C-alpha atoms as a PDB file:
ATOM      1  CA  UNK A   1     230.775  78.396  83.300  1.00  0.00           C
ATOM      2  CA  UNK A   2     228.354  81.565  83.823  1.00  0.00           C
ATOM      3  CA  UNK A   3     228.935  85.104  83.713  1.00  0.00           C
ATOM      4  CA  UNK A   4     227.115  86.897  86.514  1.00  0.00           C
ATOM      5  CA  UNK A   5     226.832  90.606  87.355  1.00  0.00           C
ATOM      6  CA  UNK A   6     225.802  91.871  90.563  1.00  0.00           C
ATOM      7  CA  UNK A   7     225.163  95.594  92.011  1.00  0.00           C
ATOM      8  CA  UNK A   8     227.146  95.574  95.469  1.00  0.00           C
ATOM      9  CA  UNK A   9     227.723  98.379  97.713  1.00  0.00           C
ATOM     10  CA  UNK A  10     231.323  99.091  96.869  1.00  0.00           C
ATOM     11  CA  UNK A  11     232.396  98.981 100.763  1.00  0.00           C
ATOM     12  CA  UNK A  12     231.566  95.344 100.578  1.00  0.00           C
ATOM     13  CA  UNK A  13     233.548  94.606  97.301  1.00  0.00           C
ATOM     14  CA  UNK A  14     236.203  95.952  98.747  1.00  0.00           C
ATOM     15  CA  UNK A  15     235.732  94.312 101.641  1.00  0.00           C
ATOM     16  CA  UNK A  16     235.872  90.879  99.295  1.00  0.00           C
ATOM     17  CA  UNK A  17     238.923  92.038  97.133  1.00  0.00           C
ATOM     18  CA  UNK A  18     240.887  92.264 100.228  1.00  0.00           C
ATOM     19  CA  UNK A  19     239.712  89.304 101.311  1.00  0.00           C
ATOM     20  CA  UNK A  20     240.632  87.576  98.442  1.00  0.00           C
ATOM     21  CA  UNK A  21     243.556  89.503  97.931  1.00  0.00           C
ATOM     22  CA  UNK A  22     244.701  88.510 101.950  1.00  0.00           C
ATOM     23  CA  UNK A  23     244.273  84.631 100.619  1.00  0.00           C
ATOM     24  CA  UNK A  24     245.741  84.669  97.501  1.00  0.00           C
ATOM     25  CA  UNK A  25     243.069  84.024  94.976  1.00  0.00           C
ATOM     26  CA  UNK A  26     240.975  85.874  92.286  1.00  0.00           C
ATOM     27  CA  UNK A  27     237.404  87.828  93.510  1.00  0.00           C
ATOM     28  CA  UNK A  28     236.129  84.682  91.505  1.00  0.00           C
ATOM     29  CA  UNK A  29     237.696  81.840  93.306  1.00  0.00           C
ATOM     30  CA  UNK A  30     236.427  83.579  96.409  1.00  0.00           C
ATOM     31  CA  UNK A  31     233.102  83.863  95.424  1.00  0.00           C
ATOM     32  CA  UNK A  32     233.236  80.428  94.100  1.00  0.00           C
ATOM     33  CA  UNK A  33     234.286  79.344  97.661  1.00  0.00           C
ATOM     34  CA  UNK A  34     231.628  81.150  99.792  1.00  0.00           C
ATOM     35  CA  UNK A  35     229.454  79.314  97.392  1.00  0.00           C
ATOM     36  CA  UNK A  36     230.446  75.850  98.237  1.00  0.00           C
ATOM     37  CA  UNK A  37     230.453  77.168 102.322  1.00  0.00           C
ATOM     38  CA  UNK A  38     226.839  77.854 101.572  1.00  0.00           C
ATOM     39  CA  UNK A  39     226.139  74.262  99.787  1.00  0.00           C
ATOM     40  CA  UNK A  40     228.239  73.219 103.330  1.00  0.00           C
ATOM     41  CA  UNK A  41     225.750  74.398 105.359  1.00  0.00           C
ATOM     42  CA  UNK A  42     222.742  74.057 103.359  1.00  0.00           C
ATOM     43  CA  UNK A  43     223.439  69.918 103.375  1.00  0.00           C
ATOM     44  CA  UNK A  44     223.893  70.439 107.574  1.00  0.00           C
ATOM     45  CA  UNK A  45     220.693  72.181 107.975  1.00  0.00           C
ATOM     46  CA  UNK A  46     218.992  69.242 106.067  1.00  0.00           C
ATOM     47  CA  UNK A  47     221.148  66.486 107.911  1.00  0.00           C
ATOM     48  CA  UNK A  48     220.234  67.911 110.760  1.00  0.00           C
ATOM     49  CA  UNK A  49     216.537  68.391 110.022  1.00  0.00           C
ATOM     50  CA  UNK A  50     216.441  64.742 108.936  1.00  0.00           C
ATOM     51  CA  UNK A  51     218.143  63.829 112.054  1.00  0.00           C
ATOM     52  CA  UNK A  52     215.332  65.335 114.493  1.00  0.00           C
ATOM     53  CA  UNK A  53     212.722  63.341 112.081  1.00  0.00           C
ATOM     54  CA  UNK A  54     215.091  60.197 113.183  1.00  0.00           C
ATOM     55  CA  UNK A  55     212.825  56.911 115.135  1.00  0.00           C
ATOM     56  CA  UNK A  56     215.563  54.960 117.414  1.00  0.00           C
ATOM     57  CA  UNK A  57     212.148  52.396 117.201  1.00  0.00           C
ATOM     58  CA  UNK A  58     212.027  52.755 113.201  1.00  0.00           C
ATOM     59  CA  UNK A  59     215.919  52.284 112.782  1.00  0.00           C
ATOM     60  CA  UNK A  60     215.437  48.787 115.394  1.00  0.00           C
ATOM     61  CA  UNK A  61     213.062  47.560 113.316  1.00  0.00           C
ATOM     62  CA  UNK A  62     214.689  48.069 109.862  1.00  0.00           C
ATOM     63  CA  UNK A  63     218.411  46.674 111.733  1.00  0.00           C
ATOM     64  CA  UNK A  64     216.414  43.247 112.749  1.00  0.00           C
ATOM     65  CA  UNK A  65     215.863  42.640 108.692  1.00  0.00           C
ATOM     66  CA  UNK A  66     219.557  42.706 108.200  1.00  0.00           C
ATOM     67  CA  UNK A  67     220.423  38.910 108.164  1.00  0.00           C
ATOM     68  CA  UNK A  68     223.061  38.065 110.626  1.00  0.00           C
ATOM     69  CA  UNK A  69     226.037  36.693 108.359  1.00  0.00           C
ATOM     70  CA  UNK A  70     229.701  36.807 108.938  1.00  0.00           C
ATOM     71  CA  UNK A  71     231.370  39.977 106.725  1.00  0.00           C
ATOM     72  CA  UNK A  72     232.724  39.006 103.390  1.00  0.00           C
ATOM     73  CA  UNK A  73     236.547  38.571 103.510  1.00  0.00           C
ATOM     74  CA  UNK A  74     236.882  42.507 101.730  1.00  0.00           C
ATOM     75  CA  UNK A  75     234.717  44.185 104.163  1.00  0.00           C
ATOM     76  CA  UNK A  76     236.899  42.930 107.088  1.00  0.00           C
ATOM     77  CA  UNK A  77     239.759  45.276 108.647  1.00  0.00           C
END
């Protein structure tokens, strides 16, 4: 784990402190959860960008390469 020193306005620090207190967590935990949320949002953006480049024609072409066979017993519901 590393230490990060930030200079933020007192008003922002107070808001973070109050929100963390309301959630029953430390400021460190609050900031860490914000970073996790940021990661989730960036992942969502990445997936959306990839989806825009998708091609049904290419997908169907790849699916045609999959052998037509029965699933293994462990893959059955």
